[in-house]
């Protein structure tokens, strides 16, 4: 079966590179985090060629492109939300629970302290409130970062975007699509500029944290407007991403064996943290980068076949692309 997708923005149904692009973007985030979390100077060259920030923003562009399409093709809000929950939550739930179980054996805190921290961690993270409890007692205390899975912040923004899509589409019907998109884009860009200005003025990182939440990231889901740079960057990135995914000739049926990009993204951070906690990047960082990459990909394959795929509807694009 061909990997086809009906694009509501006017592009014809065609073979595309979305699966390949998502895989590459998630692996770029892994590569950059391998350097950031390990602090291995030899790996610093990775940040000269790759940017996790651009990769994440590209994810937002892809998500905006596909999720609007998903909602417009579904047209029933209940079915749309069920599809979204099936797609992201089973694997997310598994990673949260697996992290606290593995963490129990690695933590150097007394079991009763760990148990109390465990309850807080699960309660916060299962509701995508990772910033409330990013770490577990006695786990990764000697690492550069103590967060168990610092990459999960993006999921909160994704979920907020999923929830906003029906309201945005409803506004299309009342005010027409273009005015709504431009209005949302301008509001998002202005919000981002305001948070950036407050961060500079106050010297507080709190405003930078607010800047990267949904209001500030909405430009990458929408990507249509004009100057200044804060307004233009999402447009340029959006055009590039859509070109690579939809206009560039298909580079092959990459999703034939599964969609491993989500698994790579939500698994790589804790896997790297464990390896760093044992000092494995100290002597042979490039070898450990390769080894950790193998662990991440194998874990993503497991996650897809045993957690993600079984929860998806048979009509899901993610399932259909793995069927000949």
Protein backbone atom coordinates (compact mmCIF):
# COMPACT_ATOMS: atom_id res chain seq x y z
CA UNK A 1 0.00 0.00 0.00
CA UNK A 2 1.38 3.40 -0.92
CA UNK A 3 2.31 5.85 1.81
CA UNK A 4 -0.25 8.49 0.77
CA UNK A 5 -1.73 11.39 2.61
CA UNK A 6 -4.56 13.72 1.63
CA UNK A 7 -3.38 17.26 2.25
CA UNK A 8 -6.17 19.74 2.81
CA UNK A 9 -4.04 22.74 1.89
CA UNK A 10 -4.27 21.90 -1.79
CA UNK A 11 -1.34 19.57 -2.34
CA UNK A 12 -2.39 16.44 -4.15
CA UNK A 13 -2.36 13.08 -2.46
CA UNK A 14 1.09 11.68 -3.12
CA UNK A 15 3.95 9.67 -1.75
CA UNK A 16 5.84 11.90 0.64
CA UNK A 17 8.85 12.11 2.92
CA UNK A 18 7.09 12.81 6.22
CA UNK A 19 8.16 9.51 7.82
CA UNK A 20 11.78 10.01 6.80
CA UNK A 21 11.76 13.64 7.88
CA UNK A 22 10.35 12.85 11.33
CA UNK A 23 12.97 10.13 11.80
CA UNK A 24 15.81 12.47 10.86
CA UNK A 25 14.52 15.27 13.11
CA UNK A 26 14.16 12.99 16.13
CA UNK A 27 17.64 11.57 15.59
CA UNK A 28 19.10 15.07 15.37
CA UNK A 29 17.62 15.84 18.79
CA UNK A 30 19.24 12.65 20.11
CA UNK A 31 22.64 13.62 18.67
CA UNK A 32 22.59 17.10 20.18
CA UNK A 33 21.41 15.83 23.55
CA UNK A 34 24.20 13.23 23.55
CA UNK A 35 26.68 16.10 23.70
CA UNK A 36 24.64 18.31 26.04
CA UNK A 37 24.03 15.55 28.59
CA UNK A 38 27.46 13.92 28.44
CA UNK A 39 29.52 17.09 28.21
CA UNK A 40 32.03 15.12 26.12
CA UNK A 41 34.07 17.75 24.31
CA UNK A 42 34.72 15.42 21.40
CA UNK A 43 30.99 15.47 20.61
CA UNK A 44 30.76 19.26 20.56
CA UNK A 45 31.22 19.13 16.79
CA UNK A 46 27.66 17.78 16.57
CA UNK A 47 26.27 21.17 17.58
CA UNK A 48 28.15 22.80 14.70
CA UNK A 49 26.14 20.77 12.19
CA UNK A 50 22.86 20.13 14.01
CA UNK A 51 20.40 22.18 16.06
CA UNK A 52 17.90 20.56 18.39
CA UNK A 53 15.99 23.86 18.46
CA UNK A 54 15.46 23.86 14.70
CA UNK A 55 14.63 20.15 14.78
CA UNK A 56 11.93 20.69 17.42
CA UNK A 57 10.53 23.70 15.58
CA UNK A 58 10.43 21.58 12.42
CA UNK A 59 8.48 18.98 14.37
CA UNK A 60 5.93 21.68 15.17
CA UNK A 61 5.65 22.56 11.47
CA UNK A 62 5.11 18.91 10.54
CA UNK A 63 2.60 18.50 13.37
CA UNK A 64 0.62 21.57 12.34
CA UNK A 65 0.56 20.35 8.75
CA UNK A 66 -0.61 16.82 9.59
CA UNK A 67 -2.89 17.50 12.56
CA UNK A 68 -4.99 20.08 10.74
CA UNK A 69 -5.30 17.55 7.93
CA UNK A 70 -6.27 14.82 10.41
CA UNK A 71 -9.00 16.93 11.96
CA UNK A 72 -10.40 18.10 8.64
CA UNK A 73 -10.47 14.51 7.35
CA UNK A 74 -12.12 13.22 10.54
CA UNK A 75 -14.66 16.03 11.00
CA UNK A 76 -15.92 14.41 14.22
CA UNK A 77 -14.27 15.90 17.29
CA UNK A 78 -14.66 12.77 19.42
CA UNK A 79 -12.99 10.55 16.82
CA UNK A 80 -10.25 13.13 16.33
CA UNK A 81 -9.40 13.23 20.05
CA UNK A 82 -9.51 9.43 20.34
CA UNK A 83 -7.07 9.17 17.44
CA UNK A 84 -4.71 11.66 19.05
CA UNK A 85 -4.82 9.87 22.44
CA UNK A 86 -4.17 6.51 20.78
CA UNK A 87 -1.23 7.94 18.92
CA UNK A 88 0.74 9.56 21.74
CA UNK A 89 -0.45 8.38 25.15
CA UNK A 90 0.24 4.61 25.33
CA UNK A 91 3.94 5.02 24.53
CA UNK A 92 4.15 8.13 26.70
CA UNK A 93 2.56 6.28 29.64
CA UNK A 94 4.92 3.33 29.17
CA UNK A 95 8.02 5.55 29.16
CA UNK A 96 6.93 7.37 32.34
CA UNK A 97 6.25 4.14 34.23
CA UNK A 98 9.35 2.38 32.89
CA UNK A 99 11.48 5.34 33.96
CA UNK A 100 10.31 5.20 37.59
CA UNK A 101 10.74 1.42 37.71
CA UNK A 102 14.29 1.51 36.33
CA UNK A 103 15.00 4.57 38.45
CA UNK A 104 14.17 2.62 41.61
CA UNK A 105 17.16 0.34 40.99
CA UNK A 106 19.50 3.20 40.06
CA UNK A 107 18.53 5.76 42.72
CA UNK A 108 20.79 6.29 45.71
CA UNK A 109 17.93 7.59 47.89
CA UNK A 110 16.19 5.53 50.58
CA UNK A 111 13.21 3.66 49.17
CA UNK A 112 10.66 5.67 51.18
CA UNK A 113 12.04 8.99 49.88
CA UNK A 114 12.10 7.61 46.36
CA UNK A 115 8.50 6.40 46.70
CA UNK A 116 7.25 9.85 47.69
CA UNK A 117 9.15 11.43 44.80
CA UNK A 118 7.87 8.71 42.50
CA UNK A 119 4.25 9.59 43.28
CA UNK A 120 4.88 13.27 42.55
CA UNK A 121 6.75 12.44 39.34
CA UNK A 122 4.00 10.16 38.02
CA UNK A 123 1.21 12.58 38.97
CA UNK A 124 2.90 15.53 37.23
CA UNK A 125 4.24 13.74 34.16
CA UNK A 126 1.18 11.68 33.30
CA UNK A 127 -0.67 14.99 32.90
CA UNK A 128 2.15 16.50 30.80
CA UNK A 129 3.19 18.84 33.64
CA UNK A 130 6.81 17.74 33.45
CA UNK A 131 8.13 21.08 34.70
CA UNK A 132 6.51 20.49 38.11
CA UNK A 133 8.56 17.34 38.81
CA UNK A 134 11.26 16.69 36.20
CA UNK A 135 13.49 14.54 38.43
CA UNK A 136 13.36 11.60 40.83
CA UNK A 137 15.07 11.46 44.26
CA UNK A 138 18.66 10.25 44.10
CA UNK A 139 18.54 9.66 40.35
CA UNK A 140 21.15 11.27 38.11
CA UNK A 141 22.31 13.54 40.95
CA UNK A 142 25.85 13.67 39.54
CA UNK A 143 24.82 14.21 35.92
CA UNK A 144 25.01 17.59 34.22
CA UNK A 145 21.20 17.60 34.20
CA UNK A 146 19.07 15.79 36.74
CA UNK A 147 15.85 15.62 34.72
CA UNK A 148 14.75 12.07 33.96
CA UNK A 149 13.37 12.96 30.55
CA UNK A 150 13.90 16.60 29.69
CA UNK A 151 12.66 16.09 26.14
CA UNK A 152 9.04 15.57 27.18
CA UNK A 153 8.21 19.29 27.40
CA UNK A 154 7.29 19.25 23.72
CA UNK A 155 4.41 16.83 24.39
CA UNK A 156 2.63 19.41 26.55
CA UNK A 157 2.70 21.87 23.67
CA UNK A 158 1.53 19.21 21.22
CA UNK A 159 -1.43 18.33 23.42
CA UNK A 160 -2.38 21.99 23.83
CA UNK A 161 -2.24 22.36 20.07
CA UNK A 162 -4.40 19.26 19.58
CA UNK A 163 -7.00 20.80 21.88
CA UNK A 164 -6.95 24.12 20.05
CA UNK A 165 -7.35 22.74 16.52
CA UNK A 166 -11.17 22.28 16.63
CA UNK A 167 -11.58 25.89 17.80
CA UNK A 168 -9.26 27.16 15.07
CA UNK A 169 -11.16 25.22 12.40
CA UNK A 170 -14.45 26.53 13.84
CA UNK A 171 -13.06 30.06 13.49
CA UNK A 172 -12.27 29.30 9.85
CA UNK A 173 -15.97 28.84 9.21
CA UNK A 174 -16.89 32.12 10.87
CA UNK A 175 -14.07 34.41 9.72
CA UNK A 176 -12.44 32.53 6.81
CA UNK A 177 -9.14 30.69 6.93
CA UNK A 178 -6.60 33.36 5.91
CA UNK A 179 -7.62 36.09 8.42
CA UNK A 180 -7.65 33.51 11.24
CA UNK A 181 -4.20 32.15 10.34
CA UNK A 182 -2.67 35.61 10.02
CA UNK A 183 -4.28 36.76 13.26
CA UNK A 184 -3.05 33.73 15.21
CA UNK A 185 0.39 34.03 13.68
CA UNK A 186 0.71 37.70 14.61
CA UNK A 187 -0.55 37.14 18.14
CA UNK A 188 1.89 34.26 18.63
CA UNK A 189 4.84 36.20 17.26
CA UNK A 190 4.01 39.25 19.40
CA UNK A 191 3.72 37.03 22.48
CA UNK A 192 7.14 35.55 21.72
CA UNK A 193 8.68 39.00 21.28
CA UNK A 194 7.10 40.19 24.55
CA UNK A 195 8.45 37.22 26.54
CA UNK A 196 11.89 37.71 24.99
CA UNK A 197 11.84 41.39 25.90
CA UNK A 198 10.79 40.65 29.50
CA UNK A 199 13.53 38.02 29.82
CA UNK A 200 16.16 40.56 28.72
CA UNK A 201 14.73 43.29 30.93
CA UNK A 202 14.41 41.19 34.10
CA UNK A 203 17.21 38.68 33.52
CA UNK A 204 14.76 35.92 34.47
CA UNK A 205 14.71 32.61 32.61
CA UNK A 206 11.07 32.26 33.65
CA UNK A 207 10.01 34.36 30.67
CA UNK A 208 12.11 32.26 28.31
CA UNK A 209 10.28 29.20 29.64
CA UNK A 210 6.96 30.93 28.95
CA UNK A 211 8.20 31.91 25.49
CA UNK A 212 8.61 28.30 24.41
CA UNK A 213 5.07 27.32 25.45
CA UNK A 214 2.23 27.05 22.94
CA UNK A 215 1.42 30.75 22.45
CA UNK A 216 5.00 31.38 21.37
CA UNK A 217 5.33 28.18 19.35
CA UNK A 218 2.05 28.57 17.49
CA UNK A 219 3.86 30.38 14.67
CA UNK A 220 5.53 27.09 13.72
CA UNK A 221 2.17 25.34 13.58
CA UNK A 222 0.82 28.14 11.37
CA UNK A 223 3.95 29.54 9.60
CA UNK A 224 2.39 32.34 7.51
CA UNK A 225 3.29 36.05 7.83
CA UNK A 226 6.11 38.58 7.35
CA UNK A 227 8.88 40.72 8.99
CA UNK A 228 10.68 41.01 11.46
CA UNK A 229 12.85 37.88 11.95
CA UNK A 230 10.62 36.45 14.68
CA UNK A 231 7.83 36.59 12.12
CA UNK A 232 9.87 35.38 9.14
CA UNK A 233 11.78 32.45 10.64
CA UNK A 234 8.72 30.17 11.05
CA UNK A 235 7.68 30.94 7.45
CA UNK A 236 11.10 30.06 6.06
CA UNK A 237 11.35 26.93 8.15
CA UNK A 238 7.77 25.95 7.31
CA UNK A 239 8.34 26.33 3.58
CA UNK A 240 11.55 24.28 3.81
CA UNK A 241 9.91 21.49 5.81
CA UNK A 242 6.89 21.25 3.50
CA UNK A 243 9.19 21.30 0.46
CA UNK A 244 11.29 18.43 1.83
CA UNK A 245 8.21 16.44 2.82
CA UNK A 246 5.81 17.06 -0.07
CA UNK A 247 7.52 18.67 -3.05
CA UNK A 248 10.86 16.87 -3.14
CA UNK A 249 10.46 13.53 -4.93
CA UNK A 250 9.79 10.65 -2.57
CA UNK A 251 13.00 9.10 -1.26
CA UNK A 252 11.36 5.74 -0.68
CA UNK A 253 8.70 4.06 1.41
CA UNK A 254 10.53 4.85 4.65
CA UNK A 255 7.58 4.05 6.91
CA UNK A 256 7.18 0.53 5.54
CA UNK A 257 8.51 -1.10 8.70
CA UNK A 258 7.05 1.35 11.19
CA UNK A 259 7.16 4.91 12.48
CA UNK A 260 10.04 4.97 14.96
CA UNK A 261 10.48 8.74 15.27
CA UNK A 262 8.19 9.16 18.29
CA UNK A 263 9.91 6.33 20.14
CA UNK A 264 13.34 7.80 19.43
CA UNK A 265 12.23 11.15 20.77
CA UNK A 266 10.67 10.00 24.04
CA UNK A 267 13.26 7.29 24.80
CA UNK A 268 16.61 8.88 23.98
CA UNK A 269 16.88 11.23 26.95
CA UNK A 270 16.58 8.67 29.80
CA UNK A 271 18.79 6.21 27.91
CA UNK A 272 21.51 8.84 27.60
CA UNK A 273 21.07 9.85 31.25
CA UNK A 274 21.64 6.26 32.41
CA UNK A 275 24.77 5.91 30.29
CA UNK A 276 26.12 9.25 31.48
CA UNK A 277 25.45 8.34 35.12
CA UNK A 278 27.78 5.36 34.73
CA UNK A 279 30.48 7.52 33.13
CA UNK A 280 30.38 5.58 29.87
CA UNK A 281 31.01 8.63 27.70
CA UNK A 282 34.26 9.43 29.48
CA UNK A 283 36.89 7.51 27.51
CA UNK A 284 35.24 6.69 24.18
CA UNK A 285 32.47 9.23 23.51
CA UNK A 286 32.07 8.34 19.83
CA UNK A 287 31.80 4.65 20.57
CA UNK A 288 29.24 5.39 23.28
CA UNK A 289 27.35 7.65 20.90
CA UNK A 290 27.04 4.71 18.51
CA UNK A 291 26.08 2.29 21.30
CA UNK A 292 23.48 4.66 22.74
CA UNK A 293 22.11 5.23 19.23
CA UNK A 294 21.65 1.47 18.82
CA UNK A 295 19.87 1.28 22.19
CA UNK A 296 17.59 4.16 21.24
CA UNK A 297 16.66 2.71 17.84
CA UNK A 298 16.10 -0.79 19.21
CA UNK A 299 13.97 0.69 21.99
CA UNK A 300 11.97 2.69 19.45
CA UNK A 301 11.37 -0.43 17.34
CA UNK A 302 10.14 -2.27 20.45
CA UNK A 303 7.94 0.66 21.42
CA UNK A 304 6.37 0.82 17.98
CA UNK A 305 5.59 -2.87 17.56
CA UNK A 306 4.50 -3.68 21.13
CA UNK A 307 3.07 -0.42 22.51
CA UNK A 308 2.26 2.13 19.81
CA UNK A 309 0.93 0.10 16.89
CA UNK A 310 -1.43 -2.19 18.90
CA UNK A 311 -3.31 0.87 20.19
CA UNK A 312 -3.86 2.42 16.77
CA UNK A 313 -6.96 1.91 14.66
CA UNK A 314 -6.44 -0.35 11.64
CA UNK A 315 -7.36 2.57 9.40
CA UNK A 316 -4.61 4.74 10.87
CA UNK A 317 -2.06 6.05 8.40
CA UNK A 318 0.67 4.84 10.75
CA UNK A 319 -0.63 1.28 10.51
CA UNK A 320 -1.50 1.33 6.81
CA UNK A 321 2.01 2.35 5.78
CA UNK A 322 3.42 -0.85 7.28
CA UNK A 323 1.12 -3.04 5.17
CA UNK A 324 2.11 -4.10 1.69
